[in-house]
Each structure stands twice: as structure tokens, then as C-alpha cells.
Amino acid sequence: MKTHALIKTMSRWMAVIGLVASSLAWATNGVDLSKSPEVSGTQEGGIHIPKEQERMALNYVNQPPMIPHSVDGYQITTNTNRCLQCHGVESYRTTEAPRVSPTHFVDATGKVLGGVAPNRYFCLQCHVPQSDTSPIVENTFTPSKGFGK
């Protein structure tokens, strides 16, 4: 199978797995996906999702910023990306959300693209909702000098 066809097939399977995982999360966590703009058909133009908390300090250089609001019910598939509906270059001014970083328009080979690069499209691979909780496993990590609290 050619590389392009393989990537396309893998992307479709990732989308299916994402939908199944979303359904399972809804069933187990009580998340009402009907409130999600992608599912309910809500017009995106007027939506402003307020931050639920202030941004936490970063712990090291180039750490992906953490998300200061809930992402429950967000859909990120090959056809839609809920994050870009607020953070994309077309909408960040009206939603008052931070704009997606210019680094996200550079693909794995270093080519600058007109849209978000495929290797940066699935936001939740790197960006996570912030939480002020204790580590699940004890560790000895300390923030870089000048970072952290």
C-alpha cells in the first residue's frame, strides 16, 4: 500500500477510534455531547468560552501551554477541530483566545504551510487541561531556573 493511502486509512481509523472514545467518555463521565457545538449545530460566531482559571506557569522551555478550560465534548477529527474554531487565525480576535502558534504551520520537513500542519493538528496530543493536583507517581522533577512557581 502506498504511503499516502496508508496515512489516509490510518487517519480514518483514528477518527473512528476518537468517536468511539468520545461516546464511551460520554457514557461513563456524564458528558453531554449534545451541548458540543459540533453536535448541536450551534453557530460558532458568537461563542466565547471563558477561562476557568488563570494560566499556570510553564516548567521548561518550549513546554506546550496548558489549557485553562474544560475540553469535555471537544471533537478533533480529520474533518473538524474544535480548538481551531476559537484559536485559529480566522477567529482568535473575535473569541479573544490566544492565536495558534506560527510553529504549528510548519510540517515535519520544515515546509511552511497555509494551514495547520498535520503533525500539529491534533492539539490534545501536546496540550492538556491544566490541573493543580499531586503527581500520580512521585518524581524528582524540578522546573528549569526561571520557570514554575
N, C-alpha and C. Protein backbone atom coordinates (compact mmCIF):
# COMPACT_ATOMS: atom_id res chain seq x y z
N MET A 1 0.85 -1.17 0.00
CA MET A 1 0.00 0.00 0.00
C MET A 1 0.90 1.24 0.00
N LYS A 2 0.57 2.20 -0.81
CA LYS A 2 1.39 3.41 -0.87
C LYS A 2 1.25 4.20 0.41
N THR A 3 2.28 5.00 0.70
CA THR A 3 2.31 5.76 1.94
C THR A 3 1.11 6.66 2.10
N HIS A 4 0.73 7.38 1.04
CA HIS A 4 -0.41 8.30 1.11
C HIS A 4 -1.70 7.57 1.47
N ALA A 5 -1.93 6.44 0.80
CA ALA A 5 -3.13 5.66 1.08
C ALA A 5 -3.11 5.12 2.50
N LEU A 6 -1.94 4.70 2.96
CA LEU A 6 -1.81 4.19 4.32
C LEU A 6 -2.12 5.28 5.34
N ILE A 7 -1.59 6.47 5.12
CA ILE A 7 -1.85 7.59 6.04
C ILE A 7 -3.33 7.94 6.04
N LYS A 8 -3.96 7.95 4.87
CA LYS A 8 -5.39 8.25 4.77
C LYS A 8 -6.21 7.21 5.55
N THR A 9 -5.87 5.94 5.37
CA THR A 9 -6.57 4.87 6.08
C THR A 9 -6.37 4.99 7.58
N MET A 10 -5.13 5.27 8.00
CA MET A 10 -4.85 5.42 9.43
C MET A 10 -5.61 6.61 10.00
N SER A 11 -5.70 7.71 9.26
CA SER A 11 -6.44 8.88 9.72
C SER A 11 -7.91 8.56 9.92
N ARG A 12 -8.48 7.79 9.00
CA ARG A 12 -9.89 7.40 9.13
C ARG A 12 -10.10 6.55 10.38
N TRP A 13 -9.18 5.60 10.61
CA TRP A 13 -9.31 4.76 11.80
C TRP A 13 -9.15 5.59 13.07
N MET A 14 -8.24 6.57 13.06
CA MET A 14 -8.06 7.43 14.23
C MET A 14 -9.34 8.21 14.50
N ALA A 15 -10.02 8.67 13.44
CA ALA A 15 -11.27 9.39 13.61
C ALA A 15 -12.34 8.48 14.21
N VAL A 16 -12.42 7.24 13.72
CA VAL A 16 -13.39 6.28 14.25
C VAL A 16 -13.10 6.00 15.72
N ILE A 17 -11.83 5.76 16.03
CA ILE A 17 -11.45 5.49 17.42
C ILE A 17 -11.79 6.69 18.31
N GLY A 18 -11.55 7.90 17.78
CA GLY A 18 -11.88 9.12 18.54
C GLY A 18 -13.36 9.22 18.82
N LEU A 19 -14.19 8.90 17.83
CA LEU A 19 -15.64 8.95 18.03
C LEU A 19 -16.09 7.92 19.06
N VAL A 20 -15.52 6.72 18.97
CA VAL A 20 -15.87 5.67 19.93
C VAL A 20 -15.44 6.10 21.34
N ALA A 21 -14.22 6.66 21.44
CA ALA A 21 -13.73 7.10 22.75
C ALA A 21 -14.61 8.22 23.30
N SER A 22 -15.04 9.14 22.43
CA SER A 22 -15.93 10.22 22.88
C SER A 22 -17.24 9.66 23.39
N SER A 23 -17.78 8.68 22.67
CA SER A 23 -19.04 8.07 23.10
C SER A 23 -18.87 7.37 24.44
N LEU A 24 -17.76 6.65 24.61
CA LEU A 24 -17.51 5.98 25.87
C LEU A 24 -17.33 6.98 27.00
N ALA A 25 -16.62 8.07 26.73
CA ALA A 25 -16.42 9.09 27.75
C ALA A 25 -17.76 9.68 28.16
N TRP A 26 -18.63 9.92 27.18
CA TRP A 26 -19.94 10.47 27.48
C TRP A 26 -20.72 9.49 28.35
N ALA A 27 -20.66 8.22 28.01
CA ALA A 27 -21.41 7.21 28.74
C ALA A 27 -20.89 7.05 30.16
N THR A 28 -19.57 7.17 30.36
CA THR A 28 -19.01 6.92 31.67
C THR A 28 -18.86 8.18 32.53
N ASN A 29 -18.70 9.33 31.90
CA ASN A 29 -18.47 10.55 32.68
C ASN A 29 -19.65 11.50 32.70
N GLY A 30 -20.73 11.14 32.03
CA GLY A 30 -21.89 12.00 32.02
C GLY A 30 -21.72 13.26 31.17
N VAL A 31 -20.77 13.27 30.24
CA VAL A 31 -20.57 14.42 29.37
C VAL A 31 -21.70 14.46 28.37
N ASP A 32 -22.38 15.59 28.28
CA ASP A 32 -23.49 15.73 27.35
C ASP A 32 -22.96 16.30 26.04
N LEU A 33 -22.69 15.42 25.07
CA LEU A 33 -22.15 15.85 23.80
C LEU A 33 -23.15 16.65 22.97
N SER A 34 -24.41 16.62 23.33
CA SER A 34 -25.38 17.41 22.58
C SER A 34 -25.15 18.91 22.79
N LYS A 35 -24.41 19.27 23.83
CA LYS A 35 -24.08 20.68 24.09
C LYS A 35 -22.85 21.13 23.30
N SER A 36 -22.12 20.18 22.74
CA SER A 36 -20.94 20.50 21.95
C SER A 36 -21.37 21.16 20.66
N PRO A 37 -20.76 22.28 20.26
CA PRO A 37 -21.18 22.97 19.04
C PRO A 37 -21.14 22.09 17.80
N GLU A 38 -20.21 21.14 17.73
CA GLU A 38 -20.12 20.29 16.55
C GLU A 38 -21.34 19.39 16.42
N VAL A 39 -21.91 18.98 17.55
CA VAL A 39 -23.03 18.06 17.55
C VAL A 39 -24.36 18.80 17.52
N SER A 40 -24.44 19.90 18.28
CA SER A 40 -25.72 20.59 18.41
C SER A 40 -26.02 21.52 17.25
N GLY A 41 -25.00 21.86 16.44
CA GLY A 41 -25.22 22.77 15.33
C GLY A 41 -25.21 24.23 15.75
N THR A 42 -24.77 24.52 16.97
CA THR A 42 -24.70 25.89 17.47
C THR A 42 -23.81 26.72 16.56
N GLN A 43 -24.22 27.94 16.28
CA GLN A 43 -23.39 28.84 15.48
C GLN A 43 -22.15 29.21 16.27
N GLU A 44 -20.98 29.10 15.64
CA GLU A 44 -19.72 29.36 16.32
C GLU A 44 -19.39 30.84 16.46
N GLY A 45 -19.93 31.69 15.59
CA GLY A 45 -19.53 33.09 15.57
C GLY A 45 -19.64 33.79 16.91
N GLY A 46 -20.65 33.51 17.71
CA GLY A 46 -20.87 34.23 18.94
C GLY A 46 -20.35 33.53 20.18
N ILE A 47 -19.72 32.38 20.03
CA ILE A 47 -19.29 31.62 21.20
C ILE A 47 -18.02 32.21 21.78
N HIS A 48 -18.01 32.41 23.07
CA HIS A 48 -16.81 32.84 23.79
C HIS A 48 -16.71 31.96 25.02
N ILE A 49 -15.72 31.10 25.06
CA ILE A 49 -15.55 30.20 26.20
C ILE A 49 -14.61 30.86 27.19
N PRO A 50 -15.12 31.27 28.34
CA PRO A 50 -14.23 31.94 29.30
C PRO A 50 -13.26 30.95 29.94
N LYS A 51 -12.12 31.49 30.32
CA LYS A 51 -11.15 30.65 31.03
C LYS A 51 -11.75 30.29 32.38
N GLU A 52 -11.50 29.09 32.81
CA GLU A 52 -11.98 28.67 34.12
C GLU A 52 -10.96 28.96 35.20
N GLN A 53 -9.71 29.21 34.79
CA GLN A 53 -8.65 29.53 35.73
C GLN A 53 -7.55 30.27 34.99
N GLU A 54 -6.67 30.92 35.72
CA GLU A 54 -5.56 31.63 35.10
C GLU A 54 -4.55 30.62 34.58
N ARG A 55 -3.79 31.02 33.57
CA ARG A 55 -2.79 30.13 33.00
C ARG A 55 -1.71 29.80 34.02
N MET A 56 -1.35 28.53 34.10
CA MET A 56 -0.30 28.10 35.01
C MET A 56 1.06 28.40 34.39
N ALA A 57 2.06 28.60 35.23
CA ALA A 57 3.42 28.85 34.76
C ALA A 57 3.95 27.62 34.03
N LEU A 58 4.77 27.85 33.03
CA LEU A 58 5.41 26.74 32.33
C LEU A 58 6.60 26.25 33.15
N ASN A 59 6.98 24.99 32.96
CA ASN A 59 8.05 24.38 33.73
C ASN A 59 9.37 24.25 32.98
N TYR A 60 9.34 24.39 31.66
CA TYR A 60 10.56 24.25 30.87
C TYR A 60 10.39 24.97 29.54
N VAL A 61 11.50 25.26 28.88
CA VAL A 61 11.49 25.94 27.60
C VAL A 61 10.73 25.10 26.57
N ASN A 62 9.89 25.75 25.79
CA ASN A 62 9.09 25.12 24.74
C ASN A 62 8.04 24.14 25.24
N GLN A 63 7.68 24.22 26.52
CA GLN A 63 6.58 23.40 27.02
C GLN A 63 5.29 23.86 26.35
N PRO A 64 4.48 22.95 25.81
CA PRO A 64 3.20 23.37 25.24
C PRO A 64 2.33 23.98 26.34
N PRO A 65 1.74 25.15 26.11
CA PRO A 65 0.88 25.75 27.14
C PRO A 65 -0.26 24.80 27.50
N MET A 66 -0.65 24.84 28.76
CA MET A 66 -1.75 24.01 29.21
C MET A 66 -3.07 24.76 28.96
N ILE A 67 -4.14 24.01 28.88
CA ILE A 67 -5.46 24.56 28.54
C ILE A 67 -6.17 24.98 29.82
N PRO A 68 -6.55 26.28 29.95
CA PRO A 68 -7.17 26.75 31.19
C PRO A 68 -8.70 26.60 31.24
N HIS A 69 -9.25 25.70 30.41
CA HIS A 69 -10.69 25.47 30.42
C HIS A 69 -10.97 24.01 30.10
N SER A 70 -12.19 23.59 30.33
CA SER A 70 -12.56 22.21 30.06
C SER A 70 -12.58 21.93 28.56
N VAL A 71 -12.22 20.72 28.19
CA VAL A 71 -12.32 20.29 26.79
C VAL A 71 -13.27 19.11 26.66
N ASP A 72 -14.09 18.89 27.68
CA ASP A 72 -15.07 17.80 27.63
C ASP A 72 -15.99 18.00 26.43
N GLY A 73 -16.15 16.97 25.64
CA GLY A 73 -17.03 17.03 24.48
C GLY A 73 -16.40 17.63 23.24
N TYR A 74 -15.16 18.07 23.32
CA TYR A 74 -14.49 18.64 22.14
C TYR A 74 -14.23 17.52 21.14
N GLN A 75 -14.42 17.84 19.87
CA GLN A 75 -14.14 16.87 18.83
C GLN A 75 -12.97 17.36 18.00
N ILE A 76 -12.00 16.50 17.82
CA ILE A 76 -10.88 16.77 16.92
C ILE A 76 -10.77 15.55 16.04
N THR A 77 -11.21 15.73 14.81
CA THR A 77 -11.16 14.65 13.82
C THR A 77 -10.47 15.20 12.58
N THR A 78 -10.35 14.36 11.56
CA THR A 78 -9.74 14.84 10.32
C THR A 78 -10.60 15.91 9.65
N ASN A 79 -11.88 15.99 10.01
CA ASN A 79 -12.79 16.97 9.38
C ASN A 79 -13.07 18.19 10.23
N THR A 80 -12.88 18.12 11.52
CA THR A 80 -13.20 19.25 12.39
C THR A 80 -12.21 19.31 13.54
N ASN A 81 -11.92 20.53 13.97
CA ASN A 81 -11.03 20.73 15.11
C ASN A 81 -11.64 21.82 15.97
N ARG A 82 -12.25 21.44 17.06
CA ARG A 82 -12.94 22.38 17.95
C ARG A 82 -11.99 23.45 18.47
N CYS A 83 -10.73 23.11 18.69
CA CYS A 83 -9.77 24.09 19.21
C CYS A 83 -9.56 25.24 18.24
N LEU A 84 -9.44 24.91 16.96
CA LEU A 84 -9.18 25.93 15.95
C LEU A 84 -10.37 26.84 15.71
N GLN A 85 -11.56 26.43 16.14
CA GLN A 85 -12.72 27.28 15.98
C GLN A 85 -12.62 28.53 16.86
N CYS A 86 -11.82 28.48 17.90
CA CYS A 86 -11.57 29.67 18.73
C CYS A 86 -10.14 30.19 18.56
N HIS A 87 -9.17 29.28 18.45
CA HIS A 87 -7.76 29.67 18.44
C HIS A 87 -7.18 29.85 17.04
N GLY A 88 -7.94 29.53 16.00
CA GLY A 88 -7.46 29.65 14.63
C GLY A 88 -7.25 31.10 14.22
N VAL A 89 -6.45 31.32 13.18
CA VAL A 89 -6.14 32.68 12.74
C VAL A 89 -7.38 33.43 12.26
N GLU A 90 -8.40 32.72 11.81
CA GLU A 90 -9.61 33.38 11.34
C GLU A 90 -10.50 33.86 12.48
N SER A 91 -10.36 33.31 13.67
CA SER A 91 -11.34 33.58 14.72
C SER A 91 -10.78 34.06 16.05
N TYR A 92 -9.48 34.01 16.27
CA TYR A 92 -8.96 34.30 17.61
C TYR A 92 -9.27 35.72 18.08
N ARG A 93 -9.38 36.67 17.15
CA ARG A 93 -9.68 38.05 17.56
C ARG A 93 -11.10 38.17 18.11
N THR A 94 -12.06 37.52 17.47
CA THR A 94 -13.44 37.63 17.92
C THR A 94 -13.70 36.80 19.17
N THR A 95 -12.97 35.71 19.34
CA THR A 95 -13.18 34.87 20.52
C THR A 95 -12.29 35.28 21.69
N GLU A 96 -11.31 36.16 21.42
CA GLU A 96 -10.35 36.61 22.43
C GLU A 96 -9.51 35.46 22.99
N ALA A 97 -9.32 34.43 22.19
CA ALA A 97 -8.50 33.29 22.58
C ALA A 97 -7.08 33.50 22.05
N PRO A 98 -6.07 32.94 22.71
CA PRO A 98 -4.71 33.04 22.16
C PRO A 98 -4.67 32.39 20.77
N ARG A 99 -3.96 33.02 19.85
CA ARG A 99 -3.83 32.52 18.48
C ARG A 99 -2.90 31.31 18.45
N VAL A 100 -3.23 30.34 17.58
CA VAL A 100 -2.37 29.18 17.41
C VAL A 100 -0.98 29.67 17.00
N SER A 101 0.04 29.04 17.54
CA SER A 101 1.43 29.46 17.31
C SER A 101 1.84 29.30 15.85
N PRO A 102 2.65 30.23 15.33
CA PRO A 102 3.16 30.09 13.96
C PRO A 102 3.94 28.79 13.75
N THR A 103 4.49 28.23 14.80
CA THR A 103 5.22 26.96 14.67
C THR A 103 4.30 25.83 14.21
N HIS A 104 3.00 25.98 14.41
CA HIS A 104 2.05 24.94 14.05
C HIS A 104 1.76 24.90 12.55
N PHE A 105 2.33 25.84 11.79
CA PHE A 105 2.14 25.87 10.34
C PHE A 105 3.35 25.32 9.60
N VAL A 106 4.29 24.71 10.32
CA VAL A 106 5.48 24.13 9.73
C VAL A 106 5.38 22.62 9.85
N ASP A 107 5.49 21.93 8.70
CA ASP A 107 5.35 20.47 8.74
C ASP A 107 6.64 19.80 9.20
N ALA A 108 6.63 18.48 9.24
CA ALA A 108 7.77 17.72 9.76
C ALA A 108 9.04 17.89 8.93
N THR A 109 8.89 18.32 7.67
CA THR A 109 10.07 18.51 6.82
C THR A 109 10.57 19.95 6.86
N GLY A 110 9.87 20.83 7.59
CA GLY A 110 10.28 22.23 7.69
C GLY A 110 9.58 23.14 6.71
N LYS A 111 8.67 22.62 5.91
CA LYS A 111 7.94 23.41 4.93
C LYS A 111 6.83 24.19 5.62
N VAL A 112 6.74 25.50 5.31
CA VAL A 112 5.68 26.35 5.87
C VAL A 112 4.42 26.14 5.05
N LEU A 113 3.32 25.86 5.73
CA LEU A 113 2.04 25.56 5.08
C LEU A 113 1.05 26.71 5.26
N GLY A 114 -0.01 26.69 4.46
CA GLY A 114 -1.06 27.70 4.57
C GLY A 114 -2.05 27.43 5.68
N GLY A 115 -2.02 26.23 6.24
CA GLY A 115 -2.90 25.84 7.34
C GLY A 115 -2.09 25.09 8.39
N VAL A 116 -2.76 24.68 9.43
CA VAL A 116 -2.07 23.94 10.50
C VAL A 116 -1.53 22.63 9.93
N ALA A 117 -0.27 22.35 10.23
CA ALA A 117 0.40 21.15 9.73
C ALA A 117 -0.24 19.89 10.33
N PRO A 118 -0.28 18.81 9.55
CA PRO A 118 -0.86 17.57 10.05
C PRO A 118 -0.23 17.08 11.36
N ASN A 119 1.07 17.29 11.53
CA ASN A 119 1.71 16.83 12.76
C ASN A 119 1.42 17.74 13.95
N ARG A 120 0.69 18.84 13.74
CA ARG A 120 0.31 19.74 14.83
C ARG A 120 -1.20 19.89 14.95
N TYR A 121 -1.96 19.16 14.17
CA TYR A 121 -3.41 19.33 14.08
C TYR A 121 -4.17 18.77 15.29
N PHE A 122 -3.69 17.67 15.85
CA PHE A 122 -4.40 17.03 16.96
C PHE A 122 -3.89 17.62 18.27
N CYS A 123 -4.45 18.75 18.66
CA CYS A 123 -3.97 19.59 19.75
C CYS A 123 -3.75 18.85 21.07
N LEU A 124 -4.65 17.93 21.38
CA LEU A 124 -4.60 17.28 22.69
C LEU A 124 -3.50 16.23 22.81
N GLN A 125 -2.69 16.08 21.76
CA GLN A 125 -1.51 15.22 21.88
C GLN A 125 -0.46 15.91 22.73
N CYS A 126 -0.42 17.24 22.68
CA CYS A 126 0.60 18.00 23.41
C CYS A 126 0.00 18.91 24.48
N HIS A 127 -1.12 19.54 24.17
CA HIS A 127 -1.75 20.47 25.11
C HIS A 127 -2.75 19.71 25.97
N VAL A 128 -2.65 19.89 27.28
CA VAL A 128 -3.54 19.18 28.20
C VAL A 128 -4.25 20.18 29.10
N PRO A 129 -5.45 19.85 29.55
CA PRO A 129 -6.11 20.73 30.51
C PRO A 129 -5.28 20.82 31.79
N GLN A 130 -5.11 22.04 32.28
CA GLN A 130 -4.28 22.20 33.47
C GLN A 130 -5.04 21.79 34.72
N SER A 131 -4.28 21.33 35.68
CA SER A 131 -4.85 20.88 36.93
C SER A 131 -3.80 21.04 38.02
N ASP A 132 -4.22 21.56 39.13
CA ASP A 132 -3.31 21.74 40.26
C ASP A 132 -3.47 20.54 41.19
N THR A 133 -2.92 19.42 40.79
CA THR A 133 -3.05 18.18 41.55
C THR A 133 -1.68 17.60 41.85
N SER A 134 -1.64 16.67 42.73
CA SER A 134 -0.40 15.99 43.06
C SER A 134 -0.07 14.99 41.95
N PRO A 135 1.21 14.74 41.72
CA PRO A 135 1.57 13.74 40.70
C PRO A 135 1.04 12.36 41.07
N ILE A 136 0.65 11.60 40.05
CA ILE A 136 0.17 10.24 40.28
C ILE A 136 1.31 9.37 40.80
N VAL A 137 2.50 9.59 40.26
CA VAL A 137 3.69 8.86 40.67
C VAL A 137 4.70 9.89 41.17
N GLU A 138 5.29 9.65 42.32
CA GLU A 138 6.28 10.58 42.85
C GLU A 138 7.45 10.69 41.88
N ASN A 139 7.99 11.91 41.75
CA ASN A 139 9.14 12.11 40.87
C ASN A 139 10.01 13.22 41.44
N THR A 140 11.15 13.41 40.84
CA THR A 140 12.10 14.42 41.33
C THR A 140 12.22 15.59 40.37
N PHE A 141 11.25 15.75 39.48
CA PHE A 141 11.30 16.84 38.50
C PHE A 141 11.28 18.20 39.20
N THR A 142 12.14 19.08 38.76
CA THR A 142 12.11 20.47 39.23
C THR A 142 12.11 21.36 37.99
N PRO A 143 11.31 22.44 38.01
CA PRO A 143 11.25 23.32 36.84
C PRO A 143 12.61 23.93 36.53
N SER A 144 12.86 24.28 35.28
CA SER A 144 14.06 24.97 34.89
C SER A 144 14.16 26.29 35.63
N LYS A 145 15.37 26.78 35.83
CA LYS A 145 15.57 28.04 36.53
C LYS A 145 14.79 29.14 35.80
N GLY A 146 14.02 29.90 36.58
CA GLY A 146 13.22 30.97 36.00
C GLY A 146 11.83 30.54 35.62
N PHE A 147 11.52 29.24 35.71
CA PHE A 147 10.21 28.73 35.37
C PHE A 147 9.53 28.24 36.65
N GLY A 148 8.24 28.01 36.55
CA GLY A 148 7.49 27.44 37.67
C GLY A 148 7.13 28.47 38.71
N LYS A 149 6.73 27.99 39.85
CA LYS A 149 6.23 28.86 40.92
C LYS A 149 7.35 29.39 41.76
